[in-house]
């Protein structure tokens, strides 16, 4: 489980300063793929985050130097769900 937290926090922050939602999603998926997950799992995680937080909130969180702990916990939970369903 700690591996998911590290992967997720790194992946989200790798998205950098994306100025639109499409770029943010693409950067998230590329970072996730480089962390060893497959594309279906990465897309699943992003979709679950977007459903919960919305596009504007994802962009706001991405602009922070560190993602909030509840967001990281949600991402970890979504990653585990996506791996199990994939």
PDB file of N, CA and C in Angstrom:
ATOM      1  N   UNK A   1       0.817  -1.195   0.000  1.00  0.00           N
ATOM      2  CA  UNK A   1       0.000   0.000   0.000  1.00  0.00           C
ATOM      3  C   UNK A   1       0.861   1.259   0.000  1.00  0.00           C
ATOM      4  N   UNK A   2       1.958   1.275   0.728  1.00  0.00           N
ATOM      5  CA  UNK A   2       2.830   2.438   0.729  1.00  0.00           C
ATOM      6  C   UNK A   2       3.392   2.714  -0.662  1.00  0.00           C
ATOM      7  N   UNK A   3       3.590   1.654  -1.444  1.00  0.00           N
ATOM      8  CA  UNK A   3       4.058   1.824  -2.809  1.00  0.00           C
ATOM      9  C   UNK A   3       3.067   2.616  -3.644  1.00  0.00           C
ATOM     10  N   UNK A   4       1.779   2.382  -3.420  1.00  0.00           N
ATOM     11  CA  UNK A   4       0.761   3.132  -4.144  1.00  0.00           C
ATOM     12  C   UNK A   4       0.784   4.603  -3.762  1.00  0.00           C
ATOM     13  N   UNK A   5       0.986   4.893  -2.485  1.00  0.00           N
ATOM     14  CA  UNK A   5       1.032   6.287  -2.043  1.00  0.00           C
ATOM     15  C   UNK A   5       2.192   7.001  -2.716  1.00  0.00           C
ATOM     16  N   UNK A   6       3.355   6.384  -2.724  1.00  0.00           N
ATOM     17  CA  UNK A   6       4.523   7.000  -3.349  1.00  0.00           C
ATOM     18  C   UNK A   6       4.319   7.176  -4.848  1.00  0.00           C
ATOM     19  N   UNK A   7       3.834   6.131  -5.509  1.00  0.00           N
ATOM     20  CA  UNK A   7       3.602   6.211  -6.949  1.00  0.00           C
ATOM     21  C   UNK A   7       2.596   7.296  -7.253  1.00  0.00           C
ATOM     22  N   UNK A   8       1.496   7.293  -6.525  1.00  0.00           N
ATOM     23  CA  UNK A   8       0.439   8.246  -6.806  1.00  0.00           C
ATOM     24  C   UNK A   8       0.889   9.682  -6.577  1.00  0.00           C
ATOM     25  N   UNK A   9       1.536   9.947  -5.457  1.00  0.00           N
ATOM     26  CA  UNK A   9       1.943  11.322  -5.176  1.00  0.00           C
ATOM     27  C   UNK A   9       2.971  11.791  -6.199  1.00  0.00           C
ATOM     28  N   UNK A  10       3.862  10.927  -6.596  1.00  0.00           N
ATOM     29  CA  UNK A  10       4.861  11.279  -7.607  1.00  0.00           C
ATOM     30  C   UNK A  10       4.209  11.526  -8.948  1.00  0.00           C
ATOM     31  N   UNK A  11       3.301  10.660  -9.332  1.00  0.00           N
ATOM     32  CA  UNK A  11       2.637  10.787 -10.627  1.00  0.00           C
ATOM     33  C   UNK A  11       1.862  12.085 -10.712  1.00  0.00           C
ATOM     34  N   UNK A  12       1.103  12.408  -9.662  1.00  0.00           N
ATOM     35  CA  UNK A  12       0.298  13.618  -9.747  1.00  0.00           C
ATOM     36  C   UNK A  12       1.166  14.859  -9.817  1.00  0.00           C
ATOM     37  N   UNK A  13       2.217  14.887  -9.060  1.00  0.00           N
ATOM     38  CA  UNK A  13       3.066  16.063  -9.073  1.00  0.00           C
ATOM     39  C   UNK A  13       3.921  16.143 -10.339  1.00  0.00           C
ATOM     40  N   UNK A  14       4.116  15.035 -11.034  1.00  0.00           N
ATOM     41  CA  UNK A  14       4.838  15.053 -12.309  1.00  0.00           C
ATOM     42  C   UNK A  14       4.076  15.810 -13.382  1.00  0.00           C
ATOM     43  N   UNK A  15       2.788  15.977 -13.178  1.00  0.00           N
ATOM     44  CA  UNK A  15       1.979  16.668 -14.171  1.00  0.00           C
ATOM     45  C   UNK A  15       2.375  18.132 -14.297  1.00  0.00           C
ATOM     46  N   UNK A  16       3.114  18.643 -13.342  1.00  0.00           N
ATOM     47  CA  UNK A  16       3.650  19.990 -13.429  1.00  0.00           C
ATOM     48  C   UNK A  16       2.586  21.057 -13.442  1.00  0.00           C
ATOM     49  N   UNK A  17       2.807  22.094 -14.189  1.00  0.00           N
ATOM     50  CA  UNK A  17       1.911  23.246 -14.194  1.00  0.00           C
ATOM     51  C   UNK A  17       1.004  23.226 -15.416  1.00  0.00           C
ATOM     52  N   UNK A  18       0.303  22.176 -15.630  1.00  0.00           N
ATOM     53  CA  UNK A  18      -0.592  22.065 -16.771  1.00  0.00           C
ATOM     54  C   UNK A  18      -1.629  23.166 -16.734  1.00  0.00           C
ATOM     55  N   UNK A  19      -1.900  23.755 -17.885  1.00  0.00           N
ATOM     56  CA  UNK A  19      -2.866  24.841 -17.909  1.00  0.00           C
ATOM     57  C   UNK A  19      -4.216  24.414 -18.446  1.00  0.00           C
ATOM     58  N   UNK A  20      -4.367  23.172 -18.832  1.00  0.00           N
ATOM     59  CA  UNK A  20      -5.693  22.707 -19.220  1.00  0.00           C
ATOM     60  C   UNK A  20      -5.875  21.247 -18.835  1.00  0.00           C
ATOM     61  N   UNK A  21      -7.132  20.837 -18.847  1.00  0.00           N
ATOM     62  CA  UNK A  21      -7.480  19.513 -18.349  1.00  0.00           C
ATOM     63  C   UNK A  21      -6.921  18.384 -19.207  1.00  0.00           C
ATOM     64  N   UNK A  22      -6.916  18.553 -20.515  1.00  0.00           N
ATOM     65  CA  UNK A  22      -6.412  17.514 -21.403  1.00  0.00           C
ATOM     66  C   UNK A  22      -4.927  17.285 -21.165  1.00  0.00           C
ATOM     67  N   UNK A  23      -4.194  18.358 -21.011  1.00  0.00           N
ATOM     68  CA  UNK A  23      -2.762  18.232 -20.768  1.00  0.00           C
ATOM     69  C   UNK A  23      -2.513  17.583 -19.404  1.00  0.00           C
ATOM     70  N   UNK A  24      -3.285  17.980 -18.400  1.00  0.00           N
ATOM     71  CA  UNK A  24      -3.138  17.398 -17.068  1.00  0.00           C
ATOM     72  C   UNK A  24      -3.380  15.895 -17.114  1.00  0.00           C
ATOM     73  N   UNK A  25      -4.433  15.480 -17.790  1.00  0.00           N
ATOM     74  CA  UNK A  25      -4.734  14.050 -17.884  1.00  0.00           C
ATOM     75  C   UNK A  25      -3.608  13.312 -18.606  1.00  0.00           C
ATOM     76  N   UNK A  26      -3.130  13.870 -19.695  1.00  0.00           N
ATOM     77  CA  UNK A  26      -2.045  13.237 -20.447  1.00  0.00           C
ATOM     78  C   UNK A  26      -0.778  13.102 -19.633  1.00  0.00           C
ATOM     79  N   UNK A  27      -0.424  14.155 -18.906  1.00  0.00           N
ATOM     80  CA  UNK A  27       0.777  14.117 -18.071  1.00  0.00           C
ATOM     81  C   UNK A  27       0.606  13.118 -16.927  1.00  0.00           C
ATOM     82  N   UNK A  28      -0.588  13.079 -16.347  1.00  0.00           N
ATOM     83  CA  UNK A  28      -0.856  12.122 -15.273  1.00  0.00           C
ATOM     84  C   UNK A  28      -0.669  10.696 -15.791  1.00  0.00           C
ATOM     85  N   UNK A  29      -1.261  10.405 -16.936  1.00  0.00           N
ATOM     86  CA  UNK A  29      -1.183   9.046 -17.482  1.00  0.00           C
ATOM     87  C   UNK A  29       0.252   8.696 -17.858  1.00  0.00           C
ATOM     88  N   UNK A  30       0.990   9.629 -18.452  1.00  0.00           N
ATOM     89  CA  UNK A  30       2.402   9.356 -18.787  1.00  0.00           C
ATOM     90  C   UNK A  30       3.216   9.070 -17.524  1.00  0.00           C
ATOM     91  N   UNK A  31       3.005   9.859 -16.480  1.00  0.00           N
ATOM     92  CA  UNK A  31       3.723   9.632 -15.228  1.00  0.00           C
ATOM     93  C   UNK A  31       3.350   8.304 -14.597  1.00  0.00           C
ATOM     94  N   UNK A  32       2.075   7.982 -14.668  1.00  0.00           N
ATOM     95  CA  UNK A  32       1.577   6.725 -14.120  1.00  0.00           C
ATOM     96  C   UNK A  32       2.178   5.536 -14.875  1.00  0.00           C
ATOM     97  N   UNK A  33       2.217   5.636 -16.197  1.00  0.00           N
ATOM     98  CA  UNK A  33       2.819   4.575 -17.014  1.00  0.00           C
ATOM     99  C   UNK A  33       4.295   4.399 -16.674  1.00  0.00           C
ATOM    100  N   UNK A  34       4.993   5.515 -16.469  1.00  0.00           N
ATOM    101  CA  UNK A  34       6.416   5.420 -16.143  1.00  0.00           C
ATOM    102  C   UNK A  34       6.625   4.822 -14.758  1.00  0.00           C
ATOM    103  N   UNK A  35       5.593   4.847 -13.917  1.00  0.00           N
ATOM    104  CA  UNK A  35       5.656   4.235 -12.599  1.00  0.00           C
ATOM    105  C   UNK A  35       5.367   2.748 -12.612  1.00  0.00           C
ATOM    106  N   UNK A  36       5.038   2.208 -13.791  1.00  0.00           N
ATOM    107  CA  UNK A  36       4.866   0.771 -13.921  1.00  0.00           C
ATOM    108  C   UNK A  36       3.446   0.272 -14.060  1.00  0.00           C
ATOM    109  N   UNK A  37       2.465   1.159 -13.987  1.00  0.00           N
ATOM    110  CA  UNK A  37       1.070   0.722 -14.156  1.00  0.00           C
ATOM    111  C   UNK A  37       0.736   0.673 -15.642  1.00  0.00           C
ATOM    112  N   UNK A  38      -0.325  -0.073 -15.986  1.00  0.00           N
ATOM    113  CA  UNK A  38      -0.722  -0.087 -17.391  1.00  0.00           C
ATOM    114  C   UNK A  38      -1.709   1.048 -17.672  1.00  0.00           C
ATOM    115  N   UNK A  39      -1.924   1.332 -18.947  1.00  0.00           N
ATOM    116  CA  UNK A  39      -2.729   2.490 -19.347  1.00  0.00           C
ATOM    117  C   UNK A  39      -4.155   2.412 -18.833  1.00  0.00           C
ATOM    118  N   UNK A  40      -4.748   1.234 -18.818  1.00  0.00           N
ATOM    119  CA  UNK A  40      -6.128   1.099 -18.338  1.00  0.00           C
ATOM    120  C   UNK A  40      -6.233   1.481 -16.863  1.00  0.00           C
ATOM    121  N   UNK A  41      -5.265   1.051 -16.062  1.00  0.00           N
ATOM    122  CA  UNK A  41      -5.263   1.379 -14.637  1.00  0.00           C
ATOM    123  C   UNK A  41      -5.053   2.885 -14.453  1.00  0.00           C
ATOM    124  N   UNK A  42      -4.120   3.455 -15.182  1.00  0.00           N
ATOM    125  CA  UNK A  42      -3.851   4.892 -15.074  1.00  0.00           C
ATOM    126  C   UNK A  42      -5.077   5.722 -15.456  1.00  0.00           C
ATOM    127  N   UNK A  43      -5.737   5.345 -16.537  1.00  0.00           N
ATOM    128  CA  UNK A  43      -6.946   6.053 -16.960  1.00  0.00           C
ATOM    129  C   UNK A  43      -8.051   5.910 -15.929  1.00  0.00           C
ATOM    130  N   UNK A  44      -8.183   4.729 -15.372  1.00  0.00           N
ATOM    131  CA  UNK A  44      -9.182   4.462 -14.344  1.00  0.00           C
ATOM    132  C   UNK A  44      -8.963   5.361 -13.132  1.00  0.00           C
ATOM    133  N   UNK A  45      -7.741   5.468 -12.677  1.00  0.00           N
ATOM    134  CA  UNK A  45      -7.426   6.307 -11.514  1.00  0.00           C
ATOM    135  C   UNK A  45      -7.794   7.755 -11.806  1.00  0.00           C
ATOM    136  N   UNK A  46      -7.375   8.239 -12.962  1.00  0.00           N
ATOM    137  CA  UNK A  46      -7.642   9.637 -13.299  1.00  0.00           C
ATOM    138  C   UNK A  46      -9.144   9.902 -13.375  1.00  0.00           C
ATOM    139  N   UNK A  47      -9.883   9.007 -13.993  1.00  0.00           N
ATOM    140  CA  UNK A  47     -11.331   9.188 -14.112  1.00  0.00           C
ATOM    141  C   UNK A  47     -12.004   9.232 -12.742  1.00  0.00           C
ATOM    142  N   UNK A  48     -11.574   8.379 -11.837  1.00  0.00           N
ATOM    143  CA  UNK A  48     -12.144   8.376 -10.484  1.00  0.00           C
ATOM    144  C   UNK A  48     -11.802   9.680  -9.752  1.00  0.00           C
ATOM    145  N   UNK A  49     -10.594  10.161  -9.922  1.00  0.00           N
ATOM    146  CA  UNK A  49     -10.218  11.440  -9.313  1.00  0.00           C
ATOM    147  C   UNK A  49     -11.038  12.583  -9.894  1.00  0.00           C
ATOM    148  N   UNK A  50     -11.193  12.570 -11.195  1.00  0.00           N
ATOM    149  CA  UNK A  50     -11.951  13.622 -11.855  1.00  0.00           C
ATOM    150  C   UNK A  50     -13.425  13.589 -11.432  1.00  0.00           C
ATOM    151  N   UNK A  51     -13.977  12.389 -11.283  1.00  0.00           N
ATOM    152  CA  UNK A  51     -15.366  12.260 -10.821  1.00  0.00           C
ATOM    153  C   UNK A  51     -15.535  12.832  -9.422  1.00  0.00           C
ATOM    154  N   UNK A  52     -14.574  12.569  -8.560  1.00  0.00           N
ATOM    155  CA  UNK A  52     -14.689  13.024  -7.171  1.00  0.00           C
ATOM    156  C   UNK A  52     -14.376  14.510  -7.018  1.00  0.00           C
ATOM    157  N   UNK A  53     -13.337  14.989  -7.682  1.00  0.00           N
ATOM    158  CA  UNK A  53     -12.848  16.345  -7.446  1.00  0.00           C
ATOM    159  C   UNK A  53     -13.248  17.359  -8.520  1.00  0.00           C
ATOM    160  N   UNK A  54     -13.558  16.909  -9.697  1.00  0.00           N
ATOM    161  CA  UNK A  54     -13.853  17.834 -10.792  1.00  0.00           C
ATOM    162  C   UNK A  54     -12.576  18.380 -11.407  1.00  0.00           C
ATOM    163  N   UNK A  55     -12.705  18.855 -12.631  1.00  0.00           N
ATOM    164  CA  UNK A  55     -11.535  19.320 -13.370  1.00  0.00           C
ATOM    165  C   UNK A  55     -10.883  20.546 -12.742  1.00  0.00           C
ATOM    166  N   UNK A  56     -11.675  21.505 -12.324  1.00  0.00           N
ATOM    167  CA  UNK A  56     -11.094  22.715 -11.750  1.00  0.00           C
ATOM    168  C   UNK A  56     -10.322  22.428 -10.471  1.00  0.00           C
ATOM    169  N   UNK A  57     -10.861  21.556  -9.625  1.00  0.00           N
ATOM    170  CA  UNK A  57     -10.177  21.226  -8.370  1.00  0.00           C
ATOM    171  C   UNK A  57      -8.894  20.450  -8.650  1.00  0.00           C
ATOM    172  N   UNK A  58      -8.904  19.568  -9.644  1.00  0.00           N
ATOM    173  CA  UNK A  58      -7.672  18.853 -10.000  1.00  0.00           C
ATOM    174  C   UNK A  58      -6.592  19.828 -10.451  1.00  0.00           C
ATOM    175  N   UNK A  59      -6.984  20.813 -11.235  1.00  0.00           N
ATOM    176  CA  UNK A  59      -6.014  21.816 -11.677  1.00  0.00           C
ATOM    177  C   UNK A  59      -5.492  22.618 -10.485  1.00  0.00           C
ATOM    178  N   UNK A  60      -6.365  22.945  -9.545  1.00  0.00           N
ATOM    179  CA  UNK A  60      -5.946  23.690  -8.362  1.00  0.00           C
ATOM    180  C   UNK A  60      -4.968  22.862  -7.522  1.00  0.00           C
ATOM    181  N   UNK A  61      -5.314  21.589  -7.295  1.00  0.00           N
ATOM    182  CA  UNK A  61      -4.440  20.714  -6.513  1.00  0.00           C
ATOM    183  C   UNK A  61      -3.099  20.544  -7.211  1.00  0.00           C
ATOM    184  N   UNK A  62      -3.132  20.445  -8.521  1.00  0.00           N
ATOM    185  CA  UNK A  62      -1.896  20.277  -9.276  1.00  0.00           C
ATOM    186  C   UNK A  62      -0.973  21.486  -9.150  1.00  0.00           C
ATOM    187  N   UNK A  63      -1.551  22.652  -8.896  1.00  0.00           N
ATOM    188  CA  UNK A  63      -0.721  23.854  -8.782  1.00  0.00           C
ATOM    189  C   UNK A  63      -0.036  23.974  -7.419  1.00  0.00           C
ATOM    190  N   UNK A  64      -0.419  23.130  -6.474  1.00  0.00           N
ATOM    191  CA  UNK A  64       0.185  23.150  -5.144  1.00  0.00           C
ATOM    192  C   UNK A  64       1.557  22.483  -5.179  1.00  0.00           C
ATOM    193  N   UNK A  65       2.397  22.834  -4.234  1.00  0.00           N
ATOM    194  CA  UNK A  65       3.712  22.193  -4.168  1.00  0.00           C
ATOM    195  C   UNK A  65       3.608  20.766  -3.643  1.00  0.00           C
ATOM    196  N   UNK A  66       2.550  20.482  -2.896  1.00  0.00           N
ATOM    197  CA  UNK A  66       2.323  19.130  -2.384  1.00  0.00           C
ATOM    198  C   UNK A  66       0.818  18.895  -2.332  1.00  0.00           C
ATOM    199  N   UNK A  67       0.387  17.747  -2.849  1.00  0.00           N
ATOM    200  CA  UNK A  67      -1.032  17.422  -2.837  1.00  0.00           C
ATOM    201  C   UNK A  67      -1.497  17.173  -1.401  1.00  0.00           C
ATOM    202  N   UNK A  68      -2.734  17.574  -1.066  1.00  0.00           N
ATOM    203  CA  UNK A  68      -3.262  17.343   0.285  1.00  0.00           C
ATOM    204  C   UNK A  68      -3.362  15.851   0.607  1.00  0.00           C
ATOM    205  N   UNK A  69      -3.163  15.508   1.865  1.00  0.00           N
ATOM    206  CA  UNK A  69      -3.185  14.114   2.307  1.00  0.00           C
ATOM    207  C   UNK A  69      -4.498  13.410   1.928  1.00  0.00           C
ATOM    208  N   UNK A  70      -5.681  14.014   2.147  1.00  0.00           N
ATOM    209  CA  UNK A  70      -6.914  13.312   1.769  1.00  0.00           C
ATOM    210  C   UNK A  70      -6.971  12.972   0.271  1.00  0.00           C
ATOM    211  N   UNK A  71      -6.414  13.860  -0.546  1.00  0.00           N
ATOM    212  CA  UNK A  71      -6.375  13.613  -1.986  1.00  0.00           C
ATOM    213  C   UNK A  71      -5.465  12.422  -2.297  1.00  0.00           C
ATOM    214  N   UNK A  72      -4.314  12.370  -1.644  1.00  0.00           N
ATOM    215  CA  UNK A  72      -3.393  11.249  -1.851  1.00  0.00           C
ATOM    216  C   UNK A  72      -4.016   9.941  -1.380  1.00  0.00           C
ATOM    217  N   UNK A  73      -4.738   9.997  -0.267  1.00  0.00           N
ATOM    218  CA  UNK A  73      -5.408   8.796   0.234  1.00  0.00           C
ATOM    219  C   UNK A  73      -6.475   8.321  -0.742  1.00  0.00           C
ATOM    220  N   UNK A  74      -7.242   9.257  -1.299  1.00  0.00           N
ATOM    221  CA  UNK A  74      -8.242   8.891  -2.312  1.00  0.00           C
ATOM    222  C   UNK A  74      -7.564   8.264  -3.524  1.00  0.00           C
ATOM    223  N   UNK A  75      -6.470   8.864  -3.968  1.00  0.00           N
ATOM    224  CA  UNK A  75      -5.753   8.334  -5.122  1.00  0.00           C
ATOM    225  C   UNK A  75      -5.237   6.931  -4.879  1.00  0.00           C
ATOM    226  N   UNK A  76      -4.757   6.682  -3.684  1.00  0.00           N
ATOM    227  CA  UNK A  76      -4.269   5.350  -3.328  1.00  0.00           C
ATOM    228  C   UNK A  76      -5.415   4.349  -3.338  1.00  0.00           C
ATOM    229  N   UNK A  77      -6.541   4.747  -2.762  1.00  0.00           N
ATOM    230  CA  UNK A  77      -7.708   3.874  -2.744  1.00  0.00           C
ATOM    231  C   UNK A  77      -8.183   3.593  -4.172  1.00  0.00           C
ATOM    232  N   UNK A  78      -8.226   4.620  -5.005  1.00  0.00           N
ATOM    233  CA  UNK A  78      -8.653   4.436  -6.390  1.00  0.00           C
ATOM    234  C   UNK A  78      -7.671   3.544  -7.152  1.00  0.00           C
ATOM    235  N   UNK A  79      -6.388   3.696  -6.884  1.00  0.00           N
ATOM    236  CA  UNK A  79      -5.394   2.850  -7.548  1.00  0.00           C
ATOM    237  C   UNK A  79      -5.612   1.395  -7.219  1.00  0.00           C
ATOM    238  N   UNK A  80      -5.869   1.103  -5.945  1.00  0.00           N
ATOM    239  CA  UNK A  80      -6.111  -0.285  -5.544  1.00  0.00           C
ATOM    240  C   UNK A  80      -7.393  -0.826  -6.195  1.00  0.00           C
ATOM    241  N   UNK A  81      -8.427   0.011  -6.274  1.00  0.00           N
ATOM    242  CA  UNK A  81      -9.665  -0.412  -6.921  1.00  0.00           C
ATOM    243  C   UNK A  81      -9.446  -0.694  -8.400  1.00  0.00           C
ATOM    244  N   UNK A  82      -8.697   0.174  -9.050  1.00  0.00           N
ATOM    245  CA  UNK A  82      -8.464   0.041 -10.492  1.00  0.00           C
ATOM    246  C   UNK A  82      -7.593  -1.195 -10.803  1.00  0.00           C
ATOM    247  N   UNK A  83      -6.612  -1.473  -9.959  1.00  0.00           N
ATOM    248  CA  UNK A  83      -5.774  -2.659 -10.159  1.00  0.00           C
ATOM    249  C   UNK A  83      -6.617  -3.921 -10.008  1.00  0.00           C
ATOM    250  N   UNK A  84      -7.475  -3.949  -9.004  1.00  0.00           N
ATOM    251  CA  UNK A  84      -8.328  -5.127  -8.763  1.00  0.00           C
ATOM    252  C   UNK A  84      -9.319  -5.338  -9.890  1.00  0.00           C
ATOM    253  N   UNK A  85      -9.862  -4.244 -10.452  1.00  0.00           N
ATOM    254  CA  UNK A  85     -10.867  -4.387 -11.509  1.00  0.00           C
ATOM    255  C   UNK A  85     -10.242  -4.603 -12.874  1.00  0.00           C
ATOM    256  N   UNK A  86      -8.937  -4.335 -12.982  1.00  0.00           N
ATOM    257  CA  UNK A  86      -8.258  -4.448 -14.270  1.00  0.00           C
ATOM    258  C   UNK A  86      -7.738  -5.785 -14.477  1.00  0.00           C
TER     259      UNK A  86
END
